N, C-alpha and C. Protein backbone atom coordinates (compact mmCIF):
# COMPACT_ATOMS: atom_id res chain seq x y z
N MET A 1 127.85 236.26 -32.85
CA MET A 1 126.67 235.74 -32.19
C MET A 1 125.85 236.86 -31.56
N GLY A 2 126.50 237.90 -31.07
CA GLY A 2 125.81 239.02 -30.45
C GLY A 2 124.92 239.77 -31.43
N LYS A 3 125.39 239.91 -32.68
CA LYS A 3 124.60 240.61 -33.70
C LYS A 3 123.34 239.82 -34.06
N VAL A 4 123.47 238.51 -34.13
CA VAL A 4 122.31 237.67 -34.45
C VAL A 4 121.27 237.77 -33.35
N LEU A 5 121.71 237.74 -32.10
CA LEU A 5 120.79 237.86 -30.97
C LEU A 5 120.08 239.21 -30.99
N LYS A 6 120.83 240.28 -31.30
CA LYS A 6 120.22 241.61 -31.38
C LYS A 6 119.19 241.67 -32.50
N LEU A 7 119.51 241.07 -33.65
CA LEU A 7 118.55 241.04 -34.77
C LEU A 7 117.28 240.29 -34.39
N ILE A 8 117.43 239.19 -33.69
CA ILE A 8 116.25 238.41 -33.27
C ILE A 8 115.40 239.22 -32.30
N ILE A 9 116.04 239.88 -31.35
CA ILE A 9 115.30 240.69 -30.37
C ILE A 9 114.58 241.84 -31.06
N VAL A 10 115.26 242.53 -31.98
CA VAL A 10 114.63 243.63 -32.72
C VAL A 10 113.47 243.11 -33.56
N GLY A 11 113.64 241.97 -34.19
CA GLY A 11 112.57 241.38 -35.00
C GLY A 11 111.35 241.03 -34.17
N ILE A 12 111.57 240.45 -33.00
CA ILE A 12 110.46 240.11 -32.11
C ILE A 12 109.77 241.38 -31.63
N ALA A 13 110.53 242.40 -31.29
CA ALA A 13 109.94 243.66 -30.83
C ALA A 13 109.08 244.29 -31.92
N LEU A 14 109.54 244.23 -33.16
CA LEU A 14 108.74 244.79 -34.27
C LEU A 14 107.46 243.99 -34.48
N LEU A 15 107.54 242.68 -34.41
CA LEU A 15 106.35 241.85 -34.58
C LEU A 15 105.34 242.09 -33.47
N CYS A 16 105.80 242.28 -32.26
CA CYS A 16 104.89 242.51 -31.14
C CYS A 16 104.18 243.85 -31.25
N ASN A 17 104.78 244.81 -31.93
CA ASN A 17 104.20 246.14 -32.05
C ASN A 17 103.29 246.29 -33.26
N LEU A 18 103.19 245.27 -34.10
CA LEU A 18 102.30 245.36 -35.25
C LEU A 18 100.85 245.39 -34.78
N GLN A 19 100.08 246.29 -35.31
CA GLN A 19 98.68 246.41 -34.94
C GLN A 19 97.82 245.68 -35.95
N VAL A 20 96.88 244.90 -35.46
CA VAL A 20 95.92 244.25 -36.34
C VAL A 20 94.80 245.24 -36.58
N ASP A 21 94.37 245.39 -37.80
CA ASP A 21 93.31 246.32 -38.14
C ASP A 21 91.97 245.69 -37.77
N ALA A 22 91.63 245.76 -36.50
CA ALA A 22 90.40 245.16 -35.99
C ALA A 22 89.35 246.25 -35.74
N GLN A 23 88.10 245.91 -36.03
CA GLN A 23 86.99 246.81 -35.74
C GLN A 23 86.36 246.37 -34.43
N THR A 24 86.03 247.34 -33.59
CA THR A 24 85.43 247.06 -32.30
C THR A 24 83.94 247.30 -32.35
N TYR A 25 83.18 246.37 -31.77
CA TYR A 25 81.72 246.48 -31.69
C TYR A 25 81.29 246.23 -30.26
N ARG A 26 80.17 246.85 -29.88
CA ARG A 26 79.60 246.64 -28.55
C ARG A 26 78.25 245.94 -28.70
N LEU A 27 78.08 244.88 -27.92
CA LEU A 27 76.81 244.17 -27.87
C LEU A 27 76.17 244.49 -26.52
N TYR A 28 74.87 244.73 -26.53
CA TYR A 28 74.19 245.17 -25.32
C TYR A 28 73.29 244.06 -24.80
N GLY A 29 73.18 244.01 -23.46
CA GLY A 29 72.37 242.98 -22.81
C GLY A 29 70.90 243.16 -23.09
N VAL A 30 70.24 242.05 -23.39
CA VAL A 30 68.78 242.01 -23.56
C VAL A 30 68.25 240.85 -22.73
N SER A 31 66.96 240.83 -22.48
CA SER A 31 66.37 239.77 -21.69
C SER A 31 66.37 238.46 -22.47
N ALA A 32 66.96 237.44 -21.89
CA ALA A 32 66.98 236.12 -22.52
C ALA A 32 65.83 235.26 -22.03
N ASN A 33 65.06 235.76 -21.05
CA ASN A 33 63.98 234.97 -20.45
C ASN A 33 62.62 235.59 -20.75
N ALA A 34 62.37 235.95 -21.99
CA ALA A 34 61.10 236.57 -22.35
C ALA A 34 59.95 235.61 -22.04
N GLY A 35 58.96 236.09 -21.32
CA GLY A 35 57.79 235.28 -20.99
C GLY A 35 57.97 234.41 -19.75
N LYS A 36 59.15 234.35 -19.20
CA LYS A 36 59.40 233.56 -18.00
C LYS A 36 59.43 234.49 -16.80
N LYS A 37 59.19 233.90 -15.64
CA LYS A 37 59.33 234.68 -14.42
C LYS A 37 60.79 235.05 -14.27
N SER A 38 61.06 236.33 -14.21
CA SER A 38 62.45 236.78 -14.23
C SER A 38 62.95 237.13 -12.84
N ILE A 39 64.24 237.01 -12.71
CA ILE A 39 64.92 237.42 -11.49
C ILE A 39 65.07 238.94 -11.55
N PRO A 40 64.78 239.64 -10.47
CA PRO A 40 64.94 241.10 -10.51
C PRO A 40 66.35 241.50 -10.91
N ARG A 41 66.45 242.44 -11.81
CA ARG A 41 67.73 242.92 -12.29
C ARG A 41 68.08 244.23 -11.57
N PRO A 42 69.37 244.49 -11.41
CA PRO A 42 69.75 245.77 -10.80
C PRO A 42 69.34 246.93 -11.70
N ARG A 43 69.19 248.09 -11.10
CA ARG A 43 68.76 249.26 -11.87
C ARG A 43 69.87 249.86 -12.71
N THR A 44 71.10 249.60 -12.38
CA THR A 44 72.20 250.12 -13.19
C THR A 44 72.33 249.27 -14.45
N PRO A 45 72.59 249.89 -15.58
CA PRO A 45 72.70 249.12 -16.82
C PRO A 45 73.94 248.22 -16.81
N GLU A 46 73.80 247.08 -17.45
CA GLU A 46 74.90 246.14 -17.55
C GLU A 46 75.92 246.67 -18.56
N CYS A 47 77.19 246.39 -18.30
CA CYS A 47 78.25 246.82 -19.22
C CYS A 47 78.09 246.10 -20.55
N PRO A 48 78.32 246.78 -21.66
CA PRO A 48 78.23 246.11 -22.96
C PRO A 48 79.36 245.09 -23.13
N LEU A 49 79.11 244.12 -23.97
CA LEU A 49 80.11 243.12 -24.32
C LEU A 49 80.88 243.66 -25.52
N VAL A 50 82.18 243.77 -25.42
CA VAL A 50 83.00 244.32 -26.50
C VAL A 50 83.63 243.16 -27.27
N ILE A 51 83.39 243.16 -28.60
CA ILE A 51 83.99 242.16 -29.48
C ILE A 51 84.79 242.88 -30.55
N GLU A 52 85.72 242.16 -31.17
CA GLU A 52 86.53 242.73 -32.25
C GLU A 52 86.47 241.82 -33.46
N LEU A 53 86.47 242.44 -34.65
CA LEU A 53 86.51 241.70 -35.91
C LEU A 53 87.76 242.09 -36.67
N ALA A 54 88.49 241.10 -37.13
CA ALA A 54 89.67 241.32 -37.97
C ALA A 54 89.64 240.25 -39.04
N ASP A 55 89.45 240.66 -40.29
CA ASP A 55 89.33 239.73 -41.41
C ASP A 55 88.19 238.75 -41.14
N ASN A 56 88.50 237.46 -41.05
CA ASN A 56 87.45 236.48 -40.81
C ASN A 56 87.55 235.90 -39.40
N ALA A 57 88.04 236.68 -38.45
CA ALA A 57 88.16 236.23 -37.07
C ALA A 57 87.43 237.19 -36.14
N MET A 58 86.71 236.64 -35.18
CA MET A 58 86.02 237.42 -34.17
C MET A 58 86.68 237.10 -32.83
N MET A 59 87.06 238.15 -32.09
CA MET A 59 87.65 237.98 -30.78
C MET A 59 86.63 238.40 -29.73
N VAL A 60 86.43 237.52 -28.74
CA VAL A 60 85.45 237.76 -27.68
C VAL A 60 86.17 237.70 -26.33
N PRO A 61 85.59 238.30 -25.29
CA PRO A 61 86.23 238.22 -23.98
C PRO A 61 86.06 236.84 -23.34
N ASN A 62 86.90 236.54 -22.37
CA ASN A 62 86.86 235.26 -21.67
C ASN A 62 85.51 234.99 -21.01
N GLN A 63 84.80 236.03 -20.61
CA GLN A 63 83.55 235.86 -19.87
C GLN A 63 82.47 235.15 -20.67
N VAL A 64 82.61 235.05 -22.00
CA VAL A 64 81.57 234.39 -22.80
C VAL A 64 82.01 233.03 -23.33
N ILE A 65 83.13 232.51 -22.86
CA ILE A 65 83.49 231.14 -23.23
C ILE A 65 82.45 230.22 -22.61
N GLY A 66 81.90 229.34 -23.43
CA GLY A 66 80.80 228.48 -23.00
C GLY A 66 79.45 228.98 -23.47
N PHE A 67 79.40 230.18 -24.04
CA PHE A 67 78.16 230.74 -24.58
C PHE A 67 77.99 230.28 -26.04
N THR A 68 76.85 230.58 -26.62
CA THR A 68 76.58 230.30 -28.02
C THR A 68 76.55 231.62 -28.79
N LEU A 69 77.22 231.64 -29.94
CA LEU A 69 77.24 232.80 -30.83
C LEU A 69 76.38 232.49 -32.04
N VAL A 70 75.45 233.39 -32.35
CA VAL A 70 74.61 233.24 -33.54
C VAL A 70 74.75 234.50 -34.38
N LEU A 71 75.10 234.32 -35.67
CA LEU A 71 75.17 235.40 -36.64
C LEU A 71 74.06 235.18 -37.65
N GLU A 72 73.23 236.20 -37.89
CA GLU A 72 72.13 236.07 -38.85
C GLU A 72 71.99 237.35 -39.66
N ASN A 73 71.88 237.19 -41.00
CA ASN A 73 71.70 238.38 -41.84
C ASN A 73 70.25 238.47 -42.32
N ALA A 74 69.93 239.52 -43.05
CA ALA A 74 68.57 239.77 -43.51
C ALA A 74 68.08 238.72 -44.50
N ASP A 75 69.02 238.04 -45.20
CA ASP A 75 68.65 237.01 -46.16
C ASP A 75 68.38 235.66 -45.50
N GLY A 76 68.55 235.58 -44.20
CA GLY A 76 68.30 234.33 -43.48
C GLY A 76 69.50 233.42 -43.33
N HIS A 77 70.68 233.87 -43.75
CA HIS A 77 71.89 233.06 -43.54
C HIS A 77 72.22 233.08 -42.05
N VAL A 78 72.37 231.90 -41.47
CA VAL A 78 72.62 231.79 -40.04
C VAL A 78 73.89 230.97 -39.81
N TYR A 79 74.76 231.50 -38.96
CA TYR A 79 75.96 230.78 -38.52
C TYR A 79 75.87 230.66 -37.00
N THR A 80 76.06 229.46 -36.49
CA THR A 80 75.99 229.22 -35.05
C THR A 80 77.29 228.58 -34.59
N TYR A 81 77.84 229.10 -33.49
CA TYR A 81 79.10 228.61 -32.95
C TYR A 81 78.97 228.45 -31.44
N TYR A 82 79.55 227.40 -30.91
CA TYR A 82 79.71 227.26 -29.47
C TYR A 82 81.09 227.83 -29.14
N ILE A 83 81.14 228.82 -28.27
CA ILE A 83 82.39 229.54 -28.00
C ILE A 83 83.26 228.72 -27.04
N VAL A 84 84.40 228.25 -27.53
CA VAL A 84 85.34 227.48 -26.72
C VAL A 84 86.68 228.18 -26.55
N ASP A 85 86.85 229.29 -27.26
CA ASP A 85 88.12 230.02 -27.22
C ASP A 85 87.81 231.49 -27.47
N ARG A 86 88.76 232.36 -27.19
CA ARG A 86 88.56 233.79 -27.40
C ARG A 86 88.48 234.17 -28.88
N THR A 87 89.06 233.36 -29.76
CA THR A 87 89.06 233.67 -31.19
C THR A 87 88.18 232.67 -31.93
N ILE A 88 87.24 233.20 -32.70
CA ILE A 88 86.33 232.37 -33.49
C ILE A 88 86.65 232.65 -34.96
N VAL A 89 86.99 231.62 -35.70
CA VAL A 89 87.30 231.77 -37.12
C VAL A 89 86.00 231.61 -37.90
N LEU A 90 85.70 232.63 -38.71
CA LEU A 90 84.47 232.67 -39.49
C LEU A 90 84.77 232.33 -40.95
N PRO A 91 83.74 231.99 -41.73
CA PRO A 91 83.97 231.67 -43.15
C PRO A 91 84.60 232.85 -43.90
N GLN A 92 85.44 232.54 -44.87
CA GLN A 92 86.11 233.57 -45.67
C GLN A 92 85.13 234.41 -46.48
N ASP A 93 84.03 233.81 -46.91
CA ASP A 93 83.10 234.49 -47.82
C ASP A 93 81.98 235.25 -47.10
N ILE A 94 82.04 235.36 -45.78
CA ILE A 94 80.99 236.07 -45.05
C ILE A 94 81.11 237.57 -45.34
N SER A 95 79.99 238.21 -45.64
CA SER A 95 80.00 239.65 -45.92
C SER A 95 78.62 240.23 -45.65
N GLY A 96 78.59 241.53 -45.45
CA GLY A 96 77.33 242.22 -45.19
C GLY A 96 77.13 242.49 -43.71
N THR A 97 75.90 242.87 -43.37
CA THR A 97 75.53 243.18 -42.00
C THR A 97 74.85 241.97 -41.37
N TYR A 98 75.29 241.62 -40.17
CA TYR A 98 74.73 240.49 -39.44
C TYR A 98 74.31 240.92 -38.05
N GLN A 99 73.18 240.37 -37.59
CA GLN A 99 72.79 240.53 -36.20
C GLN A 99 73.58 239.48 -35.42
N VAL A 100 74.17 239.91 -34.31
CA VAL A 100 74.98 239.02 -33.48
C VAL A 100 74.24 238.80 -32.17
N SER A 101 74.13 237.54 -31.75
CA SER A 101 73.59 237.20 -30.44
C SER A 101 74.58 236.29 -29.74
N VAL A 102 74.91 236.63 -28.51
CA VAL A 102 75.79 235.80 -27.68
C VAL A 102 74.99 235.49 -26.42
N THR A 103 74.71 234.20 -26.18
CA THR A 103 73.84 233.84 -25.06
C THR A 103 74.27 232.53 -24.41
N ASP A 104 73.90 232.42 -23.15
CA ASP A 104 74.07 231.15 -22.43
C ASP A 104 72.72 230.65 -21.92
N GLY A 105 71.63 231.25 -22.41
CA GLY A 105 70.29 230.88 -21.97
C GLY A 105 69.78 231.79 -20.87
N ASP A 106 70.67 232.38 -20.11
CA ASP A 106 70.29 233.31 -19.05
C ASP A 106 70.66 234.74 -19.45
N LYS A 107 71.92 234.93 -19.78
CA LYS A 107 72.38 236.24 -20.26
C LYS A 107 72.37 236.23 -21.78
N CYS A 108 72.05 237.39 -22.36
CA CYS A 108 72.05 237.51 -23.81
C CYS A 108 72.54 238.90 -24.19
N TYR A 109 73.46 238.94 -25.14
CA TYR A 109 73.99 240.20 -25.68
C TYR A 109 73.68 240.22 -27.17
N GLN A 110 73.23 241.38 -27.68
CA GLN A 110 72.92 241.49 -29.10
C GLN A 110 73.44 242.79 -29.66
N GLY A 111 73.66 242.75 -30.97
CA GLY A 111 74.09 243.94 -31.69
C GLY A 111 74.25 243.59 -33.16
N TYR A 112 74.84 244.51 -33.92
CA TYR A 112 75.05 244.31 -35.36
C TYR A 112 76.52 244.51 -35.68
N VAL A 113 77.02 243.72 -36.63
CA VAL A 113 78.38 243.87 -37.10
C VAL A 113 78.38 243.91 -38.63
N GLU A 114 79.39 244.52 -39.18
CA GLU A 114 79.55 244.64 -40.63
C GLU A 114 80.82 243.92 -41.05
N PHE A 115 80.68 242.98 -41.97
CA PHE A 115 81.83 242.24 -42.49
C PHE A 115 82.22 242.82 -43.84
């Protein structure tokens, strides 16, 4: 029984150490209230939003749960998601460069990702 327990522990340790080949991208804050009377913003730049892509999954930080994610490419293909979890599963056939927007109507982060 001791050998089986050791094998299970070693197996779990190996699985926990496996690295997912994820690409990291930074999205930068832009004004979401163009044309509206805006609230004064601090002079220090806002920290970028860091997202990761691995295969057809996008991982986002907890701070954007409740935001809307929009992916749009140059051909006009648009994917829209309401973020309810840290991991967003994207279509298997998505490929190319997409503009990414993550917004809640007040804050907005934008950037580009490559699938």
